[in-house]
Amino acid sequence: MTSAAPEEGYERGLGSRQVQMIAIGGAIGVGLFMGAGANIAKAGPSIILMYALAGVIVFFIMRALGELLLYRRSTGSFAEYIREFLGPFFGYVTGWTYWLLWVVTGMAELTAAAIYINFWFPSIPQWVSALVFLVVLFGVNLISVKVFGEVEFWFSMVKVTAIIGMIVIGLGVLTLGFSDAGDTAAASNLWSHGGFFPNGIGDSLMTLQGVMFAYIAVELVGVTASESEDPEKTLPKAINTLPWRIIIFYVGALVVLLAVVKWTEFSAGESPFVHGFSKIGIPLAAGIVNFVVLTAALSSCNSGMYSTGRMLRDLATSGEGPRIFARLNLRKSPAIGITFSVLFMAIGVVLNYVVPEKAFTYVTSVSTACGIWTWLMILFAHIRYRRAFRAGRLPASSFPAPGGSVFSWVAVVFLLFVTCLVAYDKDGRVSLYVGAGWAVCLVIGWYVLKARGGAQPLDQSEAAEPEYARK
């Protein structure tokens, strides 16, 4: 039931430090730097608990994915395991849905980047900034995986260093009382202004859909596996350090931020970190933080282009997408698939021209819905694998998930609960309408594939052969 996307064509150009930093950077994105503002306004200090709760569930998902990735070597993406355990139809749906996830996430990141540019240049239209960033990152991804890995390494390094610096400065404000916010900064800000749940538990839970968007990208480690030098060592390390990344970069950063500046001063449409450091009054601090969050947005969009090209190649080699996407260029990059994805990401530029005030909300809600579907399929595939392993039909993984499939079931229930919240929310409901239309398109595409003889895997030598070799 499974067909491997050949790894011979890819360049194993991602070293250990790059995979580790991609994993770290994947946990720090626009969902924290930009989306946290609206979430804080809705939930108050309880948003800290929401990020921590969602982080625990994401760790369960990643341990499930890790067990799948190392029960046998993957030569494609995690969609390969979904085909194996849930059938070719679900592999096909998940592959294309994950492609859509990164396309709309790329739109969100471009939108956020354009908003950050307005901090310095308010006269530049959002769509112009979005278009410039789209073209630059497109060029980076066409060169080679080594260039992508190096750019992503330094993007992530900037994010990690900045978050740690923000926490240290915030702790200094709290303990030493320096800066303009020193007189009002106190741990009591976490419960003094309406309590820890100022708007009620219900409103806090409603932020979970936005919070889950913040964690989209952690599964990117599963896409980098085929281009990692030593996945047996790097993948477990990257996944096992996830709880520490969540504790430091999400929980720690938000605790310090909301203690320094009371939650009532934050609002949607701006980065809470930029606003917080503006209140502190450190010279140039707000501009520096704005540069960091701009880097975070570009980093995530860069990762999106990378993953969509690989996912389209995996679909093509499995006979579930146009075979032209299986081709590699001279530098062993799936250039045609990346170009196709970038053309769709350009829709985000159009949204920034037509509805700049709503662009971020619309695309993040669609991205969250796609992410929930992808995570659910990973969890169900893991549950099926564990069942086959217990029956003695499959070998053990070198990286077993704690508790077997128990925590996978916990994560499934949680994700279904978040889906209900999305359906209840007026703005988030847009993603379900888009999802229904997307499902119709996928079903039609599947029947077209079957009418043409089914999903026939591409010949391995053809898929591994670079495009230039066919000319």
Protein backbone atom coordinates (compact mmCIF):
# COMPACT_ATOMS: atom_id res chain seq x y z
CA MET A 1 0.00 0.00 0.00
CA THR A 2 3.01 2.28 0.14
CA SER A 3 5.44 3.60 -2.43
CA ALA A 4 8.62 5.30 -1.42
CA ALA A 5 9.74 8.52 -2.93
CA PRO A 6 13.32 7.82 -3.90
CA GLU A 7 15.96 9.60 -1.90
CA GLU A 8 18.72 9.21 -4.50
CA GLY A 9 17.84 12.50 -6.16
CA TYR A 10 17.99 14.59 -2.99
CA GLU A 11 21.19 16.04 -1.64
CA ARG A 12 21.85 15.13 2.00
CA GLY A 13 22.88 18.68 2.71
CA LEU A 14 21.33 19.29 6.13
CA GLY A 15 23.81 18.82 8.96
CA SER A 16 23.02 18.19 12.61
CA ARG A 17 23.28 21.85 13.66
CA GLN A 18 20.91 22.87 10.86
CA VAL A 19 18.29 20.23 11.65
CA GLN A 20 18.46 21.12 15.34
CA MET A 21 18.07 24.82 14.64
CA ILE A 22 15.27 24.23 12.13
CA ALA A 23 13.49 22.24 14.85
CA ILE A 24 14.05 25.03 17.39
CA GLY A 25 13.04 27.74 14.94
CA GLY A 26 9.93 25.79 13.98
CA ALA A 27 8.64 26.34 17.50
CA ILE A 28 9.07 30.11 17.26
CA GLY A 29 7.01 31.77 14.57
CA VAL A 30 4.41 34.36 13.75
CA GLY A 31 1.87 32.51 15.89
CA LEU A 32 3.85 33.67 18.92
CA PHE A 33 5.26 36.98 17.72
CA MET A 34 2.09 38.23 15.98
CA GLY A 35 -0.86 36.02 16.87
CA ALA A 36 -0.20 36.18 20.61
CA GLY A 37 -1.42 39.78 20.66
CA ALA A 38 -5.00 38.87 19.78
CA ASN A 39 -4.87 35.83 22.06
CA ILE A 40 -3.68 37.90 25.04
CA ALA A 41 -6.50 40.40 24.43
CA LYS A 42 -9.05 37.56 24.56
CA ALA A 43 -7.67 35.39 27.35
CA GLY A 44 -5.51 37.66 29.49
CA PRO A 45 -2.77 35.92 31.52
CA SER A 46 -4.49 32.54 31.08
CA ILE A 47 -3.07 32.49 27.56
CA ILE A 48 0.10 31.15 29.22
CA LEU A 49 -1.82 28.04 30.28
CA MET A 50 -3.31 27.64 26.79
CA TYR A 51 0.13 27.68 25.15
CA ALA A 52 1.43 25.20 27.74
CA LEU A 53 -1.55 22.85 27.25
CA ALA A 54 -1.26 22.96 23.47
CA GLY A 55 2.49 22.42 23.78
CA VAL A 56 1.96 19.17 25.70
CA ILE A 57 -0.35 17.90 22.96
CA VAL A 58 2.12 18.89 20.24
CA PHE A 59 4.82 16.92 22.06
CA PHE A 60 2.56 13.84 21.99
CA ILE A 61 2.11 14.34 18.25
CA MET A 62 5.84 14.68 17.67
CA ARG A 63 6.68 11.56 19.67
CA ALA A 64 4.13 9.64 17.58
CA LEU A 65 5.73 11.00 14.40
CA GLY A 66 9.20 10.20 15.72
CA GLU A 67 8.29 6.57 16.30
CA LEU A 68 6.99 6.30 12.74
CA LEU A 69 10.03 8.01 11.23
CA LEU A 70 12.44 5.60 12.92
CA TYR A 71 10.57 2.32 12.71
CA ARG A 72 11.94 2.25 9.17
CA ARG A 73 13.85 4.82 7.18
CA SER A 74 11.64 7.19 5.27
CA THR A 75 12.77 8.22 1.83
CA GLY A 76 9.94 10.67 1.31
CA SER A 77 7.80 12.59 3.79
CA PHE A 78 5.56 11.51 6.67
CA ALA A 79 2.72 11.14 4.13
CA GLU A 80 4.42 7.88 3.21
CA TYR A 81 3.47 6.40 6.60
CA ILE A 82 -0.09 7.60 6.24
CA ARG A 83 -0.34 5.75 2.92
CA GLU A 84 1.08 2.65 4.57
CA PHE A 85 -1.23 2.53 7.58
CA LEU A 86 -4.38 4.37 6.48
CA GLY A 87 -4.40 3.70 2.75
CA PRO A 88 -3.45 5.59 -0.43
CA PHE A 89 -6.52 7.84 -0.35
CA PHE A 90 -5.63 9.31 3.04
CA GLY A 91 -2.00 9.64 2.01
CA TYR A 92 -3.11 11.54 -1.06
CA VAL A 93 -5.46 13.80 0.93
CA THR A 94 -2.89 14.49 3.65
CA GLY A 95 -0.10 15.21 1.18
CA TRP A 96 -2.15 17.79 -0.70
CA THR A 97 -3.61 19.23 2.51
CA TYR A 98 -0.13 19.65 3.97
CA TRP A 99 0.84 21.42 0.78
CA LEU A 100 -2.15 23.75 1.21
CA LEU A 101 -1.21 24.27 4.87
CA TRP A 102 2.19 25.64 3.95
CA VAL A 103 0.84 27.69 1.07
CA VAL A 104 -1.63 29.52 3.34
CA THR A 105 0.95 29.68 6.16
CA GLY A 106 3.27 31.33 3.68
CA MET A 107 0.50 33.84 2.98
CA ALA A 108 0.19 34.51 6.73
CA GLU A 109 3.93 35.01 7.12
CA LEU A 110 4.08 37.36 4.15
CA THR A 111 1.19 39.35 5.63
CA ALA A 112 2.90 39.55 9.02
CA ALA A 113 6.21 40.55 7.41
CA ALA A 114 4.47 43.35 5.52
CA ILE A 115 2.89 44.58 8.77
CA TYR A 116 6.31 44.62 10.45
CA ILE A 117 7.78 46.65 7.59
CA ASN A 118 5.02 49.22 8.20
CA PHE A 119 6.58 49.80 11.64
CA TRP A 120 9.46 51.56 9.92
CA PHE A 121 7.87 52.54 6.59
CA PRO A 122 4.13 53.12 7.09
CA SER A 123 3.78 54.63 3.62
CA ILE A 124 4.71 51.35 1.84
CA PRO A 125 1.58 49.34 0.94
CA GLN A 126 1.42 45.88 2.54
CA TRP A 127 1.15 44.12 -0.79
CA VAL A 128 4.40 45.63 -2.08
CA SER A 129 6.42 44.38 0.90
CA ALA A 130 4.77 40.95 0.67
CA LEU A 131 5.67 40.67 -3.02
CA VAL A 132 9.33 41.62 -2.49
CA PHE A 133 9.78 39.04 0.28
CA LEU A 134 8.07 36.37 -1.81
CA VAL A 135 10.48 36.86 -4.71
CA VAL A 136 13.62 36.92 -2.52
CA LEU A 137 12.77 33.73 -0.62
CA PHE A 138 11.80 32.02 -3.86
CA GLY A 139 15.33 32.63 -5.12
CA VAL A 140 16.86 31.21 -1.92
CA ASN A 141 14.90 27.97 -2.24
CA LEU A 142 15.85 27.45 -5.88
CA ILE A 143 19.58 27.41 -5.20
CA SER A 144 20.12 24.31 -3.03
CA VAL A 145 19.11 22.63 0.23
CA LYS A 146 22.47 23.70 1.72
CA VAL A 147 21.64 27.36 1.11
CA PHE A 148 18.14 26.84 2.51
CA GLY A 149 19.57 25.12 5.60
CA GLU A 150 22.13 27.84 6.18
CA VAL A 151 19.61 30.68 5.76
CA GLU A 152 17.17 28.90 8.06
CA PHE A 153 19.94 28.26 10.61
CA TRP A 154 20.71 31.96 10.92
CA PHE A 155 17.04 32.99 10.85
CA SER A 156 16.44 30.60 13.75
CA MET A 157 19.58 31.75 15.56
CA VAL A 158 18.30 35.33 15.50
CA LYS A 159 14.93 34.23 16.90
CA VAL A 160 16.39 32.08 19.66
CA THR A 161 18.96 34.69 20.74
CA ALA A 162 16.34 37.43 20.73
CA ILE A 163 13.80 35.48 22.80
CA ILE A 164 16.43 34.66 25.41
CA GLY A 165 17.52 38.31 25.41
CA MET A 166 13.91 39.46 25.86
CA ILE A 167 13.47 37.13 28.83
CA VAL A 168 16.70 38.35 30.45
CA ILE A 169 15.77 42.02 29.96
CA GLY A 170 12.26 41.38 31.27
CA LEU A 171 13.62 39.68 34.37
CA GLY A 172 15.95 42.65 34.85
CA VAL A 173 12.99 45.04 34.71
CA LEU A 174 11.09 42.91 37.25
CA THR A 175 13.95 42.50 39.72
CA LEU A 176 15.89 45.76 39.34
CA GLY A 177 13.05 48.08 38.36
CA PHE A 178 14.93 49.90 35.58
CA SER A 179 13.24 51.31 32.45
CA ASP A 180 9.97 53.23 32.01
CA ALA A 181 7.97 50.13 32.95
CA GLY A 182 9.92 49.47 36.15
CA ASP A 183 7.38 51.12 38.46
CA THR A 184 4.43 49.03 37.25
CA ALA A 185 6.21 45.77 36.38
CA ALA A 186 5.38 43.04 38.89
CA ALA A 187 4.46 39.38 39.00
CA SER A 188 1.08 40.47 40.36
CA ASN A 189 0.17 41.66 36.84
CA LEU A 190 -0.52 38.00 36.11
CA TRP A 191 -3.61 38.01 38.37
CA SER A 192 -4.36 41.59 39.48
CA HIS A 193 -6.31 42.90 36.49
CA GLY A 194 -9.47 40.80 36.46
CA GLY A 195 -7.79 37.60 37.60
CA PHE A 196 -5.92 34.87 35.73
CA PHE A 197 -9.06 34.20 33.64
CA PRO A 198 -10.32 37.79 33.26
CA ASN A 199 -12.84 36.98 30.51
CA GLY A 200 -13.79 33.53 31.76
CA ILE A 201 -12.54 30.05 30.95
CA GLY A 202 -14.73 29.91 27.83
CA ASP A 203 -12.96 32.83 26.15
CA SER A 204 -9.61 31.37 27.12
CA LEU A 205 -10.47 28.05 25.48
CA MET A 206 -11.58 29.86 22.33
CA THR A 207 -7.99 31.03 21.84
CA LEU A 208 -6.81 27.43 21.39
CA GLN A 209 -7.41 27.59 17.63
CA GLY A 210 -5.01 30.53 17.36
CA VAL A 211 -2.59 28.94 19.80
CA MET A 212 -2.43 25.74 17.73
CA PHE A 213 -1.46 27.84 14.70
CA ALA A 214 1.62 28.93 16.65
CA TYR A 215 2.87 25.35 16.73
CA ILE A 216 2.38 24.59 13.05
CA ALA A 217 5.85 23.83 11.62
CA VAL A 218 7.12 21.54 14.38
CA GLU A 219 6.34 18.55 12.14
CA LEU A 220 8.70 20.00 9.51
CA VAL A 221 11.39 17.80 11.06
CA GLY A 222 9.58 14.87 9.45
CA VAL A 223 10.01 16.46 6.02
CA THR A 224 13.74 17.15 6.53
CA ALA A 225 14.44 13.48 7.35
CA SER A 226 15.25 12.54 3.75
CA GLU A 227 17.86 15.32 3.51
CA SER A 228 19.44 14.92 6.94
CA GLU A 229 22.93 13.47 7.25
CA ASP A 230 22.14 11.28 10.28
CA PRO A 231 18.39 11.19 11.02
CA GLU A 232 18.73 8.38 13.61
CA LYS A 233 20.61 10.79 15.88
CA THR A 234 19.29 14.20 14.92
CA LEU A 235 15.54 13.45 14.87
CA PRO A 236 15.22 12.02 18.43
CA LYS A 237 17.31 14.88 19.79
CA ALA A 238 15.23 17.48 17.96
CA ILE A 239 11.94 15.97 19.17
CA ASN A 240 13.00 15.35 22.78
CA THR A 241 14.11 18.95 23.24
CA LEU A 242 10.68 20.22 22.17
CA PRO A 243 9.30 20.53 25.76
CA TRP A 244 12.23 22.75 26.74
CA ARG A 245 11.69 24.94 23.71
CA ILE A 246 8.02 25.34 24.62
CA ILE A 247 8.81 26.09 28.29
CA ILE A 248 11.43 28.70 27.41
CA PHE A 249 10.17 30.32 24.24
CA TYR A 250 6.41 30.28 24.85
CA VAL A 251 5.62 29.88 28.53
CA GLY A 252 8.73 31.66 29.80
CA ALA A 253 8.56 34.53 27.33
CA LEU A 254 4.85 35.15 27.94
CA VAL A 255 5.15 34.96 31.73
CA VAL A 256 7.87 37.62 31.69
CA LEU A 257 6.10 39.79 29.11
CA LEU A 258 2.74 39.78 30.94
CA ALA A 259 4.46 40.47 34.26
CA VAL A 260 6.30 43.49 32.83
CA VAL A 261 3.28 44.95 30.98
CA LYS A 262 -0.30 44.28 32.12
CA TRP A 263 -2.37 42.27 29.66
CA THR A 264 -4.99 44.99 29.10
CA GLU A 265 -2.49 47.02 27.08
CA PHE A 266 -2.17 44.42 24.30
CA SER A 267 -4.39 44.17 21.25
CA ALA A 268 -4.76 42.33 17.98
CA GLY A 269 -2.93 43.52 14.88
CA GLU A 270 0.42 44.23 16.56
CA SER A 271 3.23 42.19 17.99
CA PRO A 272 2.95 42.03 21.80
CA PHE A 273 6.73 41.90 22.01
CA VAL A 274 7.18 45.08 19.99
CA HIS A 275 4.52 46.80 22.10
CA GLY A 276 6.03 45.49 25.33
CA PHE A 277 9.50 46.80 24.57
CA SER A 278 8.05 50.11 23.45
CA LYS A 279 6.55 50.40 26.95
CA ILE A 280 9.88 49.52 28.55
CA GLY A 281 11.39 52.49 26.75
CA ILE A 282 14.83 51.06 26.00
CA PRO A 283 16.29 53.06 23.07
CA LEU A 284 15.90 51.23 19.74
CA ALA A 285 14.57 48.12 21.57
CA ALA A 286 11.21 48.18 19.80
CA GLY A 287 12.92 48.47 16.42
CA ILE A 288 15.26 45.59 17.24
CA VAL A 289 12.37 43.41 18.36
CA ASN A 290 10.48 44.32 15.20
CA PHE A 291 13.47 43.14 13.16
CA VAL A 292 13.44 39.86 15.09
CA VAL A 293 9.75 39.20 14.48
CA LEU A 294 10.25 40.10 10.82
CA THR A 295 13.00 37.46 10.74
CA ALA A 296 10.59 34.95 12.30
CA ALA A 297 8.01 35.58 9.61
CA LEU A 298 10.53 35.23 6.79
CA SER A 299 11.95 32.08 8.40
CA SER A 300 8.55 30.41 8.45
CA CYS A 301 7.78 31.42 4.86
CA ASN A 302 11.20 30.09 3.83
CA SER A 303 10.36 26.76 5.48
CA GLY A 304 6.99 26.75 3.74
CA MET A 305 8.56 26.98 0.30
CA TYR A 306 10.98 24.20 1.20
CA SER A 307 8.30 21.81 2.48
CA THR A 308 5.78 22.38 -0.32
CA GLY A 309 8.35 21.51 -2.97
CA ARG A 310 9.25 18.27 -1.18
CA MET A 311 5.63 17.33 -0.53
CA LEU A 312 4.70 17.86 -4.19
CA ARG A 313 7.61 15.65 -5.23
CA ASP A 314 6.46 12.96 -2.81
CA LEU A 315 2.95 13.14 -4.28
CA ALA A 316 4.30 12.99 -7.83
CA THR A 317 6.53 9.98 -7.19
CA SER A 318 3.56 8.20 -5.58
CA GLY A 319 1.39 8.86 -8.63
CA GLU A 320 -0.85 11.25 -6.68
CA GLY A 321 0.19 14.43 -8.44
CA PRO A 322 1.49 15.65 -11.81
CA ARG A 323 4.71 13.82 -12.58
CA ILE A 324 6.45 17.00 -13.57
CA PHE A 325 6.72 17.84 -9.85
CA ALA A 326 9.07 14.87 -9.37
CA ARG A 327 11.81 16.56 -11.39
CA LEU A 328 14.87 18.08 -9.77
CA ASN A 329 16.99 20.86 -11.16
CA LEU A 330 20.77 20.86 -11.52
CA ARG A 331 21.16 21.64 -7.81
CA LYS A 332 18.89 18.71 -6.81
CA SER A 333 16.07 21.01 -5.75
CA PRO A 334 12.40 20.36 -6.73
CA ALA A 335 12.28 23.71 -8.52
CA ILE A 336 9.06 23.09 -10.48
CA GLY A 337 7.12 22.17 -7.33
CA ILE A 338 8.50 25.18 -5.46
CA THR A 339 7.56 27.50 -8.35
CA PHE A 340 4.03 26.08 -8.44
CA SER A 341 3.66 26.66 -4.68
CA VAL A 342 5.01 30.20 -4.86
CA LEU A 343 2.45 31.10 -7.52
CA PHE A 344 -0.28 30.13 -5.07
CA MET A 345 1.42 31.94 -2.19
CA ALA A 346 1.14 35.03 -4.35
CA ILE A 347 -2.60 34.94 -3.56
CA GLY A 348 -1.51 36.27 -0.17
CA VAL A 349 -0.13 39.33 -1.94
CA VAL A 350 -3.54 39.85 -3.53
CA LEU A 351 -5.27 39.50 -0.13
CA ASN A 352 -2.95 42.15 1.28
CA TYR A 353 -4.08 44.42 -1.53
CA VAL A 354 -7.82 43.69 -1.25
CA VAL A 355 -8.42 43.11 2.50
CA PRO A 356 -5.20 43.99 4.36
CA GLU A 357 -6.99 44.22 7.74
CA LYS A 358 -8.47 40.70 7.48
CA ALA A 359 -5.74 38.88 5.53
CA PHE A 360 -3.90 37.52 8.59
CA THR A 361 -7.08 36.23 10.31
CA TYR A 362 -8.38 34.45 7.22
CA VAL A 363 -5.20 32.64 6.28
CA THR A 364 -4.29 31.60 9.84
CA SER A 365 -7.71 30.01 10.36
CA VAL A 366 -7.35 27.97 7.15
CA SER A 367 -3.81 27.00 8.08
CA THR A 368 -4.94 25.81 11.52
CA ALA A 369 -7.64 23.60 10.00
CA CYS A 370 -5.10 22.03 7.61
CA GLY A 371 -2.67 21.53 10.47
CA ILE A 372 -5.27 19.76 12.60
CA TRP A 373 -6.07 17.36 9.75
CA THR A 374 -2.36 16.61 9.20
CA TRP A 375 -1.75 15.98 12.89
CA LEU A 376 -4.82 13.74 13.15
CA MET A 377 -3.61 11.61 10.25
CA ILE A 378 -0.15 11.27 11.85
CA LEU A 379 -1.78 10.18 15.11
CA PHE A 380 -4.10 7.65 13.46
CA ALA A 381 -1.17 6.23 11.45
CA HIS A 382 0.78 5.87 14.69
CA ILE A 383 -2.14 4.11 16.37
CA ARG A 384 -2.36 1.65 13.47
CA TYR A 385 1.41 1.09 13.59
CA ARG A 386 1.27 0.31 17.32
CA ARG A 387 -1.53 -2.16 16.69
CA ALA A 388 0.51 -3.91 13.98
CA PHE A 389 3.60 -3.90 16.20
CA ARG A 390 1.74 -5.49 19.12
CA ALA A 391 0.45 -8.17 16.75
CA GLY A 392 4.04 -8.95 15.72
CA ARG A 393 3.59 -7.88 12.10
CA LEU A 394 6.07 -4.99 12.19
CA PRO A 395 9.45 -4.38 13.88
CA ALA A 396 9.93 -2.09 16.86
CA SER A 397 10.99 1.51 16.37
CA SER A 398 14.30 2.72 17.77
CA PHE A 399 12.40 5.73 19.15
CA PRO A 400 9.17 4.43 20.75
CA ALA A 401 6.56 6.89 21.97
CA PRO A 402 5.99 6.79 25.74
CA GLY A 403 2.74 5.08 26.65
CA GLY A 404 2.39 3.46 23.24
CA SER A 405 -0.73 4.82 21.54
CA VAL A 406 -2.39 6.11 24.75
CA PHE A 407 -1.17 9.68 24.36
CA SER A 408 -1.95 9.60 20.66
CA TRP A 409 -5.60 9.01 21.59
CA VAL A 410 -5.40 11.90 24.09
CA ALA A 411 -4.09 14.16 21.33
CA VAL A 412 -6.84 13.01 18.94
CA VAL A 413 -9.55 13.97 21.45
CA PHE A 414 -7.91 17.35 22.03
CA LEU A 415 -7.66 18.14 18.32
CA LEU A 416 -11.31 17.20 17.76
CA PHE A 417 -12.23 19.55 20.61
CA VAL A 418 -10.26 22.38 18.96
CA THR A 419 -12.09 21.64 15.70
CA CYS A 420 -15.40 22.19 17.51
CA LEU A 421 -14.07 25.53 18.79
CA VAL A 422 -13.16 26.53 15.23
CA ALA A 423 -16.71 25.70 14.11
CA TYR A 424 -18.14 27.80 16.95
CA ASP A 425 -16.03 30.88 16.22
CA LYS A 426 -17.42 33.24 13.59
CA ASP A 427 -14.07 34.18 12.01
CA GLY A 428 -12.55 30.72 12.37
CA ARG A 429 -15.57 29.14 10.69
CA VAL A 430 -14.30 30.49 7.37
CA SER A 431 -11.66 27.76 7.43
CA LEU A 432 -14.34 25.05 7.51
CA TYR A 433 -16.03 26.53 4.44
CA VAL A 434 -12.68 26.55 2.65
CA GLY A 435 -12.04 23.02 3.93
CA ALA A 436 -15.34 21.77 2.52
CA GLY A 437 -14.48 23.20 -0.90
CA TRP A 438 -10.98 21.75 -0.65
CA ALA A 439 -12.41 18.31 0.20
CA VAL A 440 -14.63 18.40 -2.88
CA CYS A 441 -11.62 19.25 -5.07
CA LEU A 442 -9.58 16.41 -3.55
CA VAL A 443 -12.35 13.84 -4.02
CA ILE A 444 -12.77 14.87 -7.66
CA GLY A 445 -9.01 14.67 -8.15
CA TRP A 446 -8.92 11.19 -6.61
CA TYR A 447 -11.58 9.86 -8.95
CA VAL A 448 -9.75 11.39 -11.90
CA LEU A 449 -6.62 9.53 -10.77
CA LYS A 450 -8.53 6.25 -10.51
CA ALA A 451 -10.11 6.78 -13.91
CA ARG A 452 -6.60 7.04 -15.34
CA GLY A 453 -5.58 3.73 -13.83
CA GLY A 454 -5.09 4.62 -10.18
CA ALA A 455 -2.20 6.18 -8.32
CA GLN A 456 0.78 4.55 -10.04
CA PRO A 457 4.15 5.21 -8.39
CA LEU A 458 6.78 6.78 -10.59
CA ASP A 459 9.69 4.60 -11.64
CA GLN A 460 12.45 5.16 -9.09
CA SER A 461 15.15 5.83 -11.63
CA GLU A 462 12.96 8.40 -13.37
CA ALA A 463 12.13 10.20 -10.15
CA ALA A 464 15.72 10.24 -8.97
CA GLU A 465 17.01 11.54 -12.29
CA PRO A 466 17.49 15.30 -12.29
CA GLU A 467 15.60 17.29 -14.88
CA TYR A 468 18.76 18.39 -16.69
CA ALA A 469 19.68 14.75 -17.34
CA ARG A 470 16.55 14.23 -19.46
CA LYS A 471 17.37 17.00 -21.89
